[in-house]
Amino acid sequence: MKKGKIKVKSKKIEKLAEFDHNQWLSWVKSCKKKGFLSADYIKKIGGFLIPYKKLPECAKEKDRDFARKEIALIKNLIKNE
C-alpha cells in the first residue's frame, strides 16, 4: 500500500459517494428553487441532477474520489486529536 493511501472497503466508499452526491443534489435543487444559481451553471451540471445510481460511471468515480478524500481527512483528524 502506498504511503498516504487509506484502505477502506469499496462498499463503504460507494455508500459515502452516494450520500455525498445526494446531499449535493439536494443543495443544488434548493439553490435552484431560490434562484441562487445561474442558468449557465444549471445547464453545465444538468446531466448530473439525477440520483447517484443513474450517474455515468465517470461521474460516480469523481464522487468516489471525493469520498476517499473525506475519509483521509477524517482519519487524519482522529489521528491528530
N, C-alpha and C. Protein backbone atom coordinates (compact mmCIF):
# COMPACT_ATOMS: atom_id res chain seq x y z
N MET A 1 0.85 -1.17 0.00
CA MET A 1 0.00 0.00 0.00
C MET A 1 0.90 1.24 0.00
N LYS A 2 0.61 2.20 -0.90
CA LYS A 2 1.39 3.42 -0.98
C LYS A 2 1.17 4.27 0.25
N LYS A 3 2.23 5.02 0.62
CA LYS A 3 2.11 5.92 1.75
C LYS A 3 1.00 6.94 1.48
N GLY A 4 0.18 7.17 2.45
CA GLY A 4 -0.91 8.12 2.29
C GLY A 4 -2.20 7.49 1.80
N LYS A 5 -2.13 6.28 1.30
CA LYS A 5 -3.35 5.59 0.85
C LYS A 5 -4.06 5.02 2.07
N ILE A 6 -5.36 5.07 2.02
CA ILE A 6 -6.16 4.58 3.14
C ILE A 6 -6.98 3.40 2.66
N LYS A 7 -6.87 2.30 3.37
CA LYS A 7 -7.59 1.11 2.97
C LYS A 7 -8.99 1.14 3.59
N VAL A 8 -9.97 1.29 2.74
CA VAL A 8 -11.37 1.30 3.16
C VAL A 8 -12.11 0.41 2.18
N LYS A 9 -13.00 -0.40 2.69
CA LYS A 9 -13.75 -1.30 1.82
C LYS A 9 -14.54 -0.51 0.78
N SER A 10 -14.55 -1.01 -0.43
CA SER A 10 -15.18 -0.28 -1.54
C SER A 10 -16.68 -0.05 -1.32
N LYS A 11 -17.34 -0.93 -0.59
CA LYS A 11 -18.76 -0.72 -0.31
C LYS A 11 -18.97 0.53 0.53
N LYS A 12 -18.05 0.80 1.44
CA LYS A 12 -18.14 1.99 2.28
C LYS A 12 -17.87 3.24 1.44
N ILE A 13 -16.91 3.17 0.55
CA ILE A 13 -16.62 4.28 -0.36
C ILE A 13 -17.86 4.57 -1.19
N GLU A 14 -18.47 3.53 -1.70
CA GLU A 14 -19.66 3.68 -2.56
C GLU A 14 -20.81 4.32 -1.79
N LYS A 15 -21.02 3.89 -0.56
CA LYS A 15 -22.10 4.47 0.26
C LYS A 15 -21.85 5.94 0.55
N LEU A 16 -20.61 6.29 0.87
CA LEU A 16 -20.28 7.69 1.13
C LEU A 16 -20.39 8.52 -0.15
N ALA A 17 -19.95 7.98 -1.26
CA ALA A 17 -20.05 8.69 -2.53
C ALA A 17 -21.52 8.96 -2.88
N GLU A 18 -22.36 7.96 -2.67
CA GLU A 18 -23.79 8.14 -2.94
C GLU A 18 -24.39 9.18 -2.00
N PHE A 19 -24.03 9.12 -0.73
CA PHE A 19 -24.52 10.10 0.25
C PHE A 19 -24.10 11.51 -0.16
N ASP A 20 -22.82 11.68 -0.50
CA ASP A 20 -22.31 12.99 -0.91
C ASP A 20 -23.05 13.52 -2.13
N HIS A 21 -23.23 12.67 -3.12
CA HIS A 21 -23.91 13.10 -4.33
C HIS A 21 -25.35 13.53 -4.02
N ASN A 22 -26.03 12.74 -3.22
CA ASN A 22 -27.42 13.07 -2.89
C ASN A 22 -27.52 14.34 -2.06
N GLN A 23 -26.55 14.59 -1.19
CA GLN A 23 -26.51 15.86 -0.45
C GLN A 23 -26.32 17.03 -1.41
N TRP A 24 -25.37 16.88 -2.34
CA TRP A 24 -25.11 17.92 -3.34
C TRP A 24 -26.36 18.15 -4.19
N LEU A 25 -27.00 17.07 -4.60
CA LEU A 25 -28.21 17.17 -5.42
C LEU A 25 -29.30 17.94 -4.69
N SER A 26 -29.48 17.66 -3.43
CA SER A 26 -30.47 18.37 -2.62
C SER A 26 -30.12 19.85 -2.51
N TRP A 27 -28.84 20.15 -2.30
CA TRP A 27 -28.38 21.54 -2.20
C TRP A 27 -28.63 22.28 -3.50
N VAL A 28 -28.28 21.66 -4.62
CA VAL A 28 -28.47 22.31 -5.92
C VAL A 28 -29.95 22.58 -6.17
N LYS A 29 -30.79 21.60 -5.90
CA LYS A 29 -32.23 21.79 -6.11
C LYS A 29 -32.76 22.93 -5.27
N SER A 30 -32.31 23.02 -4.02
CA SER A 30 -32.74 24.10 -3.13
C SER A 30 -32.27 25.46 -3.65
N CYS A 31 -31.01 25.53 -4.04
CA CYS A 31 -30.45 26.79 -4.56
C CYS A 31 -31.13 27.18 -5.87
N LYS A 32 -31.41 26.20 -6.70
CA LYS A 32 -32.08 26.47 -7.97
C LYS A 32 -33.48 27.03 -7.72
N LYS A 33 -34.19 26.43 -6.80
CA LYS A 33 -35.54 26.86 -6.46
C LYS A 33 -35.55 28.30 -5.95
N LYS A 34 -34.51 28.69 -5.21
CA LYS A 34 -34.42 30.03 -4.65
C LYS A 34 -33.81 31.04 -5.62
N GLY A 35 -33.39 30.57 -6.79
CA GLY A 35 -32.83 31.46 -7.80
C GLY A 35 -31.39 31.85 -7.55
N PHE A 36 -30.65 31.05 -6.76
CA PHE A 36 -29.27 31.36 -6.43
C PHE A 36 -28.26 30.91 -7.49
N LEU A 37 -28.68 30.10 -8.43
CA LEU A 37 -27.76 29.55 -9.42
C LEU A 37 -28.07 30.11 -10.81
N SER A 38 -27.02 30.40 -11.56
CA SER A 38 -27.21 30.94 -12.90
C SER A 38 -27.72 29.86 -13.85
N ALA A 39 -28.37 30.30 -14.89
CA ALA A 39 -28.87 29.37 -15.91
C ALA A 39 -27.70 28.63 -16.57
N ASP A 40 -26.58 29.32 -16.74
CA ASP A 40 -25.39 28.67 -17.34
C ASP A 40 -24.88 27.54 -16.45
N TYR A 41 -24.87 27.76 -15.15
CA TYR A 41 -24.41 26.73 -14.23
C TYR A 41 -25.36 25.54 -14.25
N ILE A 42 -26.64 25.81 -14.23
CA ILE A 42 -27.63 24.73 -14.27
C ILE A 42 -27.48 23.93 -15.56
N LYS A 43 -27.24 24.62 -16.67
CA LYS A 43 -27.05 23.94 -17.95
C LYS A 43 -25.80 23.05 -17.90
N LYS A 44 -24.75 23.56 -17.29
CA LYS A 44 -23.48 22.83 -17.20
C LYS A 44 -23.62 21.54 -16.39
N ILE A 45 -24.37 21.60 -15.29
CA ILE A 45 -24.47 20.44 -14.40
C ILE A 45 -25.74 19.62 -14.61
N GLY A 46 -26.57 20.05 -15.54
CA GLY A 46 -27.88 19.43 -15.72
C GLY A 46 -27.87 17.92 -15.86
N GLY A 47 -26.87 17.37 -16.51
CA GLY A 47 -26.78 15.94 -16.71
C GLY A 47 -26.48 15.16 -15.44
N PHE A 48 -26.08 15.88 -14.39
CA PHE A 48 -25.73 15.22 -13.13
C PHE A 48 -26.82 15.40 -12.07
N LEU A 49 -27.91 16.05 -12.43
CA LEU A 49 -29.00 16.28 -11.49
C LEU A 49 -29.95 15.08 -11.47
N ILE A 50 -29.36 13.94 -11.22
CA ILE A 50 -30.08 12.67 -11.19
C ILE A 50 -29.58 11.87 -9.99
N PRO A 51 -30.33 10.89 -9.55
CA PRO A 51 -29.86 10.05 -8.43
C PRO A 51 -28.51 9.39 -8.75
N TYR A 52 -27.73 9.16 -7.75
CA TYR A 52 -26.39 8.57 -7.88
C TYR A 52 -26.40 7.30 -8.73
N LYS A 53 -27.35 6.44 -8.47
CA LYS A 53 -27.37 5.14 -9.16
C LYS A 53 -27.54 5.28 -10.67
N LYS A 54 -28.04 6.43 -11.13
CA LYS A 54 -28.25 6.65 -12.56
C LYS A 54 -27.10 7.42 -13.21
N LEU A 55 -26.13 7.83 -12.43
CA LEU A 55 -24.99 8.58 -12.97
C LEU A 55 -24.13 7.69 -13.87
N PRO A 56 -23.47 8.29 -14.85
CA PRO A 56 -22.49 7.52 -15.62
C PRO A 56 -21.31 7.18 -14.71
N GLU A 57 -20.61 6.13 -15.04
CA GLU A 57 -19.52 5.63 -14.21
C GLU A 57 -18.45 6.70 -13.96
N CYS A 58 -18.15 7.53 -14.96
CA CYS A 58 -17.12 8.57 -14.79
C CYS A 58 -17.53 9.58 -13.70
N ALA A 59 -18.81 9.91 -13.61
CA ALA A 59 -19.29 10.83 -12.58
C ALA A 59 -19.26 10.15 -11.21
N LYS A 60 -19.62 8.88 -11.17
CA LYS A 60 -19.56 8.15 -9.90
C LYS A 60 -18.13 8.12 -9.37
N GLU A 61 -17.17 7.94 -10.27
CA GLU A 61 -15.76 7.87 -9.85
C GLU A 61 -15.31 9.19 -9.25
N LYS A 62 -15.79 10.32 -9.76
CA LYS A 62 -15.47 11.62 -9.15
C LYS A 62 -16.02 11.69 -7.73
N ASP A 63 -17.23 11.18 -7.54
CA ASP A 63 -17.81 11.15 -6.19
C ASP A 63 -17.03 10.21 -5.28
N ARG A 64 -16.56 9.10 -5.81
CA ARG A 64 -15.75 8.17 -5.02
C ARG A 64 -14.44 8.81 -4.61
N ASP A 65 -13.81 9.54 -5.54
CA ASP A 65 -12.56 10.23 -5.22
C ASP A 65 -12.78 11.22 -4.08
N PHE A 66 -13.89 11.95 -4.14
CA PHE A 66 -14.22 12.89 -3.07
C PHE A 66 -14.42 12.15 -1.75
N ALA A 67 -15.10 11.02 -1.79
CA ALA A 67 -15.33 10.22 -0.58
C ALA A 67 -14.01 9.75 0.02
N ARG A 68 -13.08 9.34 -0.84
CA ARG A 68 -11.76 8.90 -0.35
C ARG A 68 -11.03 10.05 0.36
N LYS A 69 -11.14 11.25 -0.21
CA LYS A 69 -10.51 12.42 0.41
C LYS A 69 -11.15 12.74 1.76
N GLU A 70 -12.47 12.60 1.85
CA GLU A 70 -13.15 12.83 3.13
C GLU A 70 -12.68 11.83 4.18
N ILE A 71 -12.57 10.58 3.79
CA ILE A 71 -12.13 9.55 4.73
C ILE A 71 -10.71 9.83 5.19
N ALA A 72 -9.85 10.22 4.26
CA ALA A 72 -8.47 10.55 4.63
C ALA A 72 -8.43 11.71 5.61
N LEU A 73 -9.22 12.72 5.38
CA LEU A 73 -9.27 13.87 6.28
C LEU A 73 -9.76 13.46 7.67
N ILE A 74 -10.82 12.69 7.70
CA ILE A 74 -11.38 12.26 8.99
C ILE A 74 -10.37 11.41 9.76
N LYS A 75 -9.72 10.48 9.06
CA LYS A 75 -8.72 9.64 9.74
C LYS A 75 -7.57 10.50 10.27
N ASN A 76 -7.17 11.49 9.49
CA ASN A 76 -6.09 12.37 9.92
C ASN A 76 -6.51 13.19 11.13
N LEU A 77 -7.74 13.67 11.14
CA LEU A 77 -8.23 14.44 12.28
C LEU A 77 -8.28 13.59 13.55
N ILE A 78 -8.73 12.36 13.40
CA ILE A 78 -8.81 11.45 14.56
C ILE A 78 -7.41 11.14 15.07
N LYS A 79 -6.50 10.88 14.14
CA LYS A 79 -5.12 10.54 14.49
C LYS A 79 -4.44 11.68 15.26
N ASN A 80 -4.78 12.91 14.91
CA ASN A 80 -4.12 14.07 15.50
C ASN A 80 -4.88 14.70 16.67
N GLU A 81 -5.86 13.99 17.20
CA GLU A 81 -6.60 14.53 18.37
C GLU A 81 -5.75 14.50 19.61
